[in-house]
Each structure stands twice: as structure tokens, then as C-alpha cells.
Amino acid sequence: MAAASTTRPAPFGAIATYKVVTLFSALATTLSTWNDARVTRNSLGKLSDRELDDIGLCRGDIEMIAQSRA
């Protein structure tokens, strides 16, 4: 019994389409991450120093927290 190769090339444009979809997916992920950090930064920035102290933070911690949560 002989083995036959059944592989065939991808249809025309399939690889380009995949790369475009991947690019938009990565862009959406990046925008979502940036927005999450922005919302966190804004929310923590609205708190008073006393409120930040109550949760164990200071103003200098806000950027670090925003980046680590995103």
C-alpha cells in the first residue's frame, strides 16, 4: 500500500487575512490594557491622601498599581 501526500497550499490570501486579523486582535488587546490602566489611574487619583493611606497606598504608588493591574 502506498502512502499519498494530501497536503495542499493555503488558499490565496489566507495567510494575509490571518496576519490582518492577528494585527487587529493585538491592537484591541493593547487598547483594552491601556484603558484599564487609565481607569485605575483616574480612580486612584480622585482619592484623598487620607483615603489612599487607609488602603495602604501613597500618591507615588498609583502609576505602579495602574501598570501592574492592566
PDB file of N, CA and C in Angstrom:
ATOM      1  N   MET A   1       0.840  -1.162   0.000  1.00  0.00           N
ATOM      2  CA  MET A   1       0.000   0.000   0.000  1.00  0.00           C
ATOM      3  C   MET A   1       0.892   1.234   0.000  1.00  0.00           C
ATOM      4  N   ALA A   2       0.642   2.154  -0.857  1.00  0.00           N
ATOM      5  CA  ALA A   2       1.447   3.363  -0.971  1.00  0.00           C
ATOM      6  C   ALA A   2       0.796   4.487  -0.184  1.00  0.00           C
ATOM      7  N   ALA A   3       1.638   5.321   0.398  1.00  0.00           N
ATOM      8  CA  ALA A   3       1.140   6.489   1.139  1.00  0.00           C
ATOM      9  C   ALA A   3       1.085   7.671   0.193  1.00  0.00           C
ATOM     10  N   ALA A   4       0.001   8.367   0.206  1.00  0.00           N
ATOM     11  CA  ALA A   4      -0.147   9.531  -0.664  1.00  0.00           C
ATOM     12  C   ALA A   4      -0.123  10.800   0.182  1.00  0.00           C
ATOM     13  N   SER A   5       0.533  11.796  -0.292  1.00  0.00           N
ATOM     14  CA  SER A   5       0.585  13.073   0.393  1.00  0.00           C
ATOM     15  C   SER A   5      -0.682  13.862   0.051  1.00  0.00           C
ATOM     16  N   THR A   6      -1.370  14.307   1.070  1.00  0.00           N
ATOM     17  CA  THR A   6      -2.618  15.029   0.833  1.00  0.00           C
ATOM     18  C   THR A   6      -2.529  16.498   1.264  1.00  0.00           C
ATOM     19  N   THR A   7      -1.326  16.979   1.449  1.00  0.00           N
ATOM     20  CA  THR A   7      -1.203  18.380   1.844  1.00  0.00           C
ATOM     21  C   THR A   7      -1.365  19.265   0.625  1.00  0.00           C
ATOM     22  N   ARG A   8      -1.922  20.419   0.844  1.00  0.00           N
ATOM     23  CA  ARG A   8      -2.073  21.361  -0.245  1.00  0.00           C
ATOM     24  C   ARG A   8      -1.825  22.760   0.298  1.00  0.00           C
ATOM     25  N   PRO A   9      -1.467  23.677  -0.545  1.00  0.00           N
ATOM     26  CA  PRO A   9      -1.160  25.031  -0.071  1.00  0.00           C
ATOM     27  C   PRO A   9      -2.414  25.757   0.431  1.00  0.00           C
ATOM     28  N   ALA A  10      -2.173  26.751   1.256  1.00  0.00           N
ATOM     29  CA  ALA A  10      -3.285  27.559   1.761  1.00  0.00           C
ATOM     30  C   ALA A  10      -3.928  28.310   0.605  1.00  0.00           C
ATOM     31  N   PRO A  11      -5.224  28.550   0.699  1.00  0.00           N
ATOM     32  CA  PRO A  11      -5.899  29.307  -0.357  1.00  0.00           C
ATOM     33  C   PRO A  11      -5.309  30.708  -0.502  1.00  0.00           C
ATOM     34  N   PHE A  12      -5.461  31.274  -1.667  1.00  0.00           N
ATOM     35  CA  PHE A  12      -4.917  32.594  -1.956  1.00  0.00           C
ATOM     36  C   PHE A  12      -5.444  33.621  -0.950  1.00  0.00           C
ATOM     37  N   GLY A  13      -4.539  34.320  -0.292  1.00  0.00           N
ATOM     38  CA  GLY A  13      -4.911  35.371   0.643  1.00  0.00           C
ATOM     39  C   GLY A  13      -5.164  34.916   2.061  1.00  0.00           C
ATOM     40  N   ALA A  14      -5.119  33.632   2.345  1.00  0.00           N
ATOM     41  CA  ALA A  14      -5.427  33.136   3.688  1.00  0.00           C
ATOM     42  C   ALA A  14      -4.383  33.606   4.699  1.00  0.00           C
ATOM     43  N   ILE A  15      -3.133  33.583   4.331  1.00  0.00           N
ATOM     44  CA  ILE A  15      -2.075  33.990   5.254  1.00  0.00           C
ATOM     45  C   ILE A  15      -2.152  35.492   5.513  1.00  0.00           C
ATOM     46  N   ALA A  16      -2.385  36.267   4.477  1.00  0.00           N
ATOM     47  CA  ALA A  16      -2.509  37.716   4.647  1.00  0.00           C
ATOM     48  C   ALA A  16      -3.715  38.047   5.522  1.00  0.00           C
ATOM     49  N   THR A  17      -4.815  37.355   5.313  1.00  0.00           N
ATOM     50  CA  THR A  17      -6.010  37.572   6.127  1.00  0.00           C
ATOM     51  C   THR A  17      -5.730  37.233   7.583  1.00  0.00           C
ATOM     52  N   TYR A  18      -5.044  36.141   7.833  1.00  0.00           N
ATOM     53  CA  TYR A  18      -4.690  35.740   9.193  1.00  0.00           C
ATOM     54  C   TYR A  18      -3.830  36.813   9.856  1.00  0.00           C
ATOM     55  N   LYS A  19      -2.863  37.350   9.130  1.00  0.00           N
ATOM     56  CA  LYS A  19      -1.984  38.374   9.702  1.00  0.00           C
ATOM     57  C   LYS A  19      -2.756  39.651  10.024  1.00  0.00           C
ATOM     58  N   VAL A  20      -3.708  40.028   9.183  1.00  0.00           N
ATOM     59  CA  VAL A  20      -4.517  41.223   9.441  1.00  0.00           C
ATOM     60  C   VAL A  20      -5.394  41.012  10.672  1.00  0.00           C
ATOM     61  N   VAL A  21      -6.006  39.847  10.781  1.00  0.00           N
ATOM     62  CA  VAL A  21      -6.844  39.545  11.941  1.00  0.00           C
ATOM     63  C   VAL A  21      -6.000  39.542  13.213  1.00  0.00           C
ATOM     64  N   THR A  22      -4.818  38.967  13.153  1.00  0.00           N
ATOM     65  CA  THR A  22      -3.914  38.949  14.297  1.00  0.00           C
ATOM     66  C   THR A  22      -3.507  40.364  14.696  1.00  0.00           C
ATOM     67  N   LEU A  23      -3.239  41.212  13.721  1.00  0.00           N
ATOM     68  CA  LEU A  23      -2.869  42.596  13.987  1.00  0.00           C
ATOM     69  C   LEU A  23      -3.999  43.319  14.712  1.00  0.00           C
ATOM     70  N   PHE A  24      -5.233  43.194  14.229  1.00  0.00           N
ATOM     71  CA  PHE A  24      -6.361  43.862  14.877  1.00  0.00           C
ATOM     72  C   PHE A  24      -6.635  43.295  16.265  1.00  0.00           C
ATOM     73  N   SER A  25      -6.425  42.011  16.442  1.00  0.00           N
ATOM     74  CA  SER A  25      -6.596  41.398  17.755  1.00  0.00           C
ATOM     75  C   SER A  25      -5.569  41.951  18.744  1.00  0.00           C
ATOM     76  N   ALA A  26      -4.330  42.060  18.316  1.00  0.00           N
ATOM     77  CA  ALA A  26      -3.279  42.612  19.175  1.00  0.00           C
ATOM     78  C   ALA A  26      -3.564  44.081  19.493  1.00  0.00           C
ATOM     79  N   LEU A  27      -4.052  44.821  18.510  1.00  0.00           N
ATOM     80  CA  LEU A  27      -4.388  46.221  18.723  1.00  0.00           C
ATOM     81  C   LEU A  27      -5.521  46.360  19.747  1.00  0.00           C
ATOM     82  N   ALA A  28      -6.533  45.526  19.639  1.00  0.00           N
ATOM     83  CA  ALA A  28      -7.651  45.564  20.586  1.00  0.00           C
ATOM     84  C   ALA A  28      -7.179  45.229  21.998  1.00  0.00           C
ATOM     85  N   THR A  29      -6.301  44.264  22.133  1.00  0.00           N
ATOM     86  CA  THR A  29      -5.759  43.890  23.437  1.00  0.00           C
ATOM     87  C   THR A  29      -4.956  45.036  24.034  1.00  0.00           C
ATOM     88  N   THR A  30      -4.134  45.681  23.208  1.00  0.00           N
ATOM     89  CA  THR A  30      -3.321  46.804  23.677  1.00  0.00           C
ATOM     90  C   THR A  30      -4.208  47.960  24.127  1.00  0.00           C
ATOM     91  N   LEU A  31      -5.236  48.283  23.359  1.00  0.00           N
ATOM     92  CA  LEU A  31      -6.145  49.363  23.736  1.00  0.00           C
ATOM     93  C   LEU A  31      -6.903  49.044  25.024  1.00  0.00           C
ATOM     94  N   SER A  32      -7.307  47.812  25.183  1.00  0.00           N
ATOM     95  CA  SER A  32      -8.014  47.403  26.389  1.00  0.00           C
ATOM     96  C   SER A  32      -7.109  47.516  27.619  1.00  0.00           C
ATOM     97  N   THR A  33      -5.873  47.088  27.483  1.00  0.00           N
ATOM     98  CA  THR A  33      -4.911  47.173  28.580  1.00  0.00           C
ATOM     99  C   THR A  33      -4.649  48.624  28.950  1.00  0.00           C
ATOM    100  N   TRP A  34      -4.457  49.473  27.942  1.00  0.00           N
ATOM    101  CA  TRP A  34      -4.214  50.894  28.185  1.00  0.00           C
ATOM    102  C   TRP A  34      -5.410  51.528  28.891  1.00  0.00           C
ATOM    103  N   ASN A  35      -6.629  51.196  28.447  1.00  0.00           N
ATOM    104  CA  ASN A  35      -7.828  51.773  29.052  1.00  0.00           C
ATOM    105  C   ASN A  35      -7.993  51.317  30.497  1.00  0.00           C
ATOM    106  N   ASP A  36      -7.710  50.064  30.794  1.00  0.00           N
ATOM    107  CA  ASP A  36      -7.799  49.571  32.170  1.00  0.00           C
ATOM    108  C   ASP A  36      -6.839  50.338  33.081  1.00  0.00           C
ATOM    109  N   ALA A  37      -5.618  50.561  32.609  1.00  0.00           N
ATOM    110  CA  ALA A  37      -4.627  51.313  33.396  1.00  0.00           C
ATOM    111  C   ALA A  37      -5.095  52.755  33.581  1.00  0.00           C
ATOM    112  N   ARG A  38      -5.667  53.351  32.544  1.00  0.00           N
ATOM    113  CA  ARG A  38      -6.154  54.725  32.613  1.00  0.00           C
ATOM    114  C   ARG A  38      -7.280  54.862  33.642  1.00  0.00           C
ATOM    115  N   VAL A  39      -8.229  53.930  33.613  1.00  0.00           N
ATOM    116  CA  VAL A  39      -9.348  53.970  34.551  1.00  0.00           C
ATOM    117  C   VAL A  39      -8.846  53.799  35.982  1.00  0.00           C
ATOM    118  N   THR A  40      -7.933  52.875  36.199  1.00  0.00           N
ATOM    119  CA  THR A  40      -7.366  52.660  37.535  1.00  0.00           C
ATOM    120  C   THR A  40      -6.646  53.912  38.016  1.00  0.00           C
ATOM    121  N   ARG A  41      -5.826  54.489  37.135  1.00  0.00           N
ATOM    122  CA  ARG A  41      -5.080  55.711  37.470  1.00  0.00           C
ATOM    123  C   ARG A  41      -6.036  56.839  37.848  1.00  0.00           C
ATOM    124  N   ASN A  42      -7.086  57.032  37.067  1.00  0.00           N
ATOM    125  CA  ASN A  42      -8.049  58.101  37.346  1.00  0.00           C
ATOM    126  C   ASN A  42      -8.803  57.852  38.653  1.00  0.00           C
ATOM    127  N   SER A  43      -9.203  56.618  38.890  1.00  0.00           N
ATOM    128  CA  SER A  43      -9.951  56.300  40.114  1.00  0.00           C
ATOM    129  C   SER A  43      -9.097  56.534  41.353  1.00  0.00           C
ATOM    130  N   LEU A  44      -7.869  56.056  41.333  1.00  0.00           N
ATOM    131  CA  LEU A  44      -6.988  56.251  42.483  1.00  0.00           C
ATOM    132  C   LEU A  44      -6.594  57.715  42.634  1.00  0.00           C
ATOM    133  N   GLY A  45      -6.461  58.419  41.527  1.00  0.00           N
ATOM    134  CA  GLY A  45      -6.090  59.832  41.579  1.00  0.00           C
ATOM    135  C   GLY A  45      -7.163  60.703  42.204  1.00  0.00           C
ATOM    136  N   LYS A  46      -8.412  60.271  42.163  1.00  0.00           N
ATOM    137  CA  LYS A  46      -9.509  61.037  42.755  1.00  0.00           C
ATOM    138  C   LYS A  46      -9.584  60.881  44.272  1.00  0.00           C
ATOM    139  N   LEU A  47      -8.910  59.865  44.815  1.00  0.00           N
ATOM    140  CA  LEU A  47      -8.954  59.657  46.256  1.00  0.00           C
ATOM    141  C   LEU A  47      -8.086  60.681  46.969  1.00  0.00           C
ATOM    142  N   SER A  48      -8.481  61.015  48.197  1.00  0.00           N
ATOM    143  CA  SER A  48      -7.677  61.936  49.001  1.00  0.00           C
ATOM    144  C   SER A  48      -6.463  61.185  49.562  1.00  0.00           C
ATOM    145  N   ASP A  49      -5.507  61.936  50.076  1.00  0.00           N
ATOM    146  CA  ASP A  49      -4.332  61.302  50.674  1.00  0.00           C
ATOM    147  C   ASP A  49      -4.729  60.419  51.851  1.00  0.00           C
ATOM    148  N   ARG A  50      -5.714  60.835  52.589  1.00  0.00           N
ATOM    149  CA  ARG A  50      -6.199  60.063  53.730  1.00  0.00           C
ATOM    150  C   ARG A  50      -6.802  58.732  53.259  1.00  0.00           C
ATOM    151  N   GLU A  51      -7.605  58.774  52.214  1.00  0.00           N
ATOM    152  CA  GLU A  51      -8.216  57.550  51.679  1.00  0.00           C
ATOM    153  C   GLU A  51      -7.158  56.609  51.122  1.00  0.00           C
ATOM    154  N   LEU A  52      -6.162  57.168  50.443  1.00  0.00           N
ATOM    155  CA  LEU A  52      -5.072  56.328  49.946  1.00  0.00           C
ATOM    156  C   LEU A  52      -4.314  55.689  51.101  1.00  0.00           C
ATOM    157  N   ASP A  53      -4.085  56.454  52.162  1.00  0.00           N
ATOM    158  CA  ASP A  53      -3.391  55.918  53.328  1.00  0.00           C
ATOM    159  C   ASP A  53      -4.191  54.793  53.969  1.00  0.00           C
ATOM    160  N   ASP A  54      -5.525  54.917  53.960  1.00  0.00           N
ATOM    161  CA  ASP A  54      -6.381  53.876  54.530  1.00  0.00           C
ATOM    162  C   ASP A  54      -6.222  52.536  53.805  1.00  0.00           C
ATOM    163  N   ILE A  55      -5.950  52.581  52.507  1.00  0.00           N
ATOM    164  CA  ILE A  55      -5.781  51.328  51.761  1.00  0.00           C
ATOM    165  C   ILE A  55      -4.304  50.968  51.576  1.00  0.00           C
ATOM    166  N   GLY A  56      -3.436  51.715  52.261  1.00  0.00           N
ATOM    167  CA  GLY A  56      -2.010  51.369  52.269  1.00  0.00           C
ATOM    168  C   GLY A  56      -1.236  51.844  51.065  1.00  0.00           C
ATOM    169  N   LEU A  57      -1.690  52.931  50.437  1.00  0.00           N
ATOM    170  CA  LEU A  57      -1.001  53.465  49.258  1.00  0.00           C
ATOM    171  C   LEU A  57      -0.627  54.923  49.481  1.00  0.00           C
ATOM    172  N   CYS A  58       0.288  55.395  48.655  1.00  0.00           N
ATOM    173  CA  CYS A  58       0.583  56.823  48.599  1.00  0.00           C
ATOM    174  C   CYS A  58       0.495  57.240  47.139  1.00  0.00           C
ATOM    175  N   ARG A  59       0.544  58.537  46.876  1.00  0.00           N
ATOM    176  CA  ARG A  59       0.401  59.026  45.501  1.00  0.00           C
ATOM    177  C   ARG A  59       1.450  58.433  44.570  1.00  0.00           C
ATOM    178  N   GLY A  60       2.632  58.180  45.081  1.00  0.00           N
ATOM    179  CA  GLY A  60       3.696  57.619  44.248  1.00  0.00           C
ATOM    180  C   GLY A  60       3.440  56.189  43.803  1.00  0.00           C
ATOM    181  N   ASP A  61       2.530  55.496  44.478  1.00  0.00           N
ATOM    182  CA  ASP A  61       2.218  54.101  44.136  1.00  0.00           C
ATOM    183  C   ASP A  61       1.197  53.972  43.019  1.00  0.00           C
ATOM    184  N   ILE A  62       0.514  55.048  42.679  1.00  0.00           N
ATOM    185  CA  ILE A  62      -0.614  54.980  41.735  1.00  0.00           C
ATOM    186  C   ILE A  62      -0.168  54.447  40.363  1.00  0.00           C
ATOM    187  N   GLU A  63       0.914  54.968  39.815  1.00  0.00           N
ATOM    188  CA  GLU A  63       1.356  54.525  38.485  1.00  0.00           C
ATOM    189  C   GLU A  63       1.758  53.052  38.505  1.00  0.00           C
ATOM    190  N   MET A  64       2.465  52.625  39.554  1.00  0.00           N
ATOM    191  CA  MET A  64       2.874  51.229  39.661  1.00  0.00           C
ATOM    192  C   MET A  64       1.648  50.303  39.742  1.00  0.00           C
ATOM    193  N   ILE A  65       0.662  50.703  40.527  1.00  0.00           N
ATOM    194  CA  ILE A  65      -0.558  49.901  40.670  1.00  0.00           C
ATOM    195  C   ILE A  65      -1.305  49.846  39.336  1.00  0.00           C
ATOM    196  N   ALA A  66      -1.417  50.970  38.656  1.00  0.00           N
ATOM    197  CA  ALA A  66      -2.139  51.012  37.389  1.00  0.00           C
ATOM    198  C   ALA A  66      -1.483  50.105  36.358  1.00  0.00           C
ATOM    199  N   GLN A  67      -0.171  50.098  36.280  1.00  0.00           N
ATOM    200  CA  GLN A  67       0.524  49.260  35.306  1.00  0.00           C
ATOM    201  C   GLN A  67       0.465  47.781  35.675  1.00  0.00           C
ATOM    202  N   SER A  68       0.529  47.468  36.957  1.00  0.00           N
ATOM    203  CA  SER A  68       0.519  46.055  37.350  1.00  0.00           C
ATOM    204  C   SER A  68      -0.869  45.440  37.226  1.00  0.00           C
ATOM    205  N   ARG A  69      -1.917  46.222  37.328  1.00  0.00           N
ATOM    206  CA  ARG A  69      -3.288  45.712  37.234  1.00  0.00           C
ATOM    207  C   ARG A  69      -3.726  45.537  35.791  1.00  0.00           C
ATOM    208  N   ALA A  70      -3.092  46.251  34.876  1.00  0.00           N
ATOM    209  CA  ALA A  70      -3.503  46.196  33.479  1.00  0.00           C
ATOM    210  C   ALA A  70      -2.929  44.996  32.764  1.00  0.00           C
TER     211      ALA A  70
END
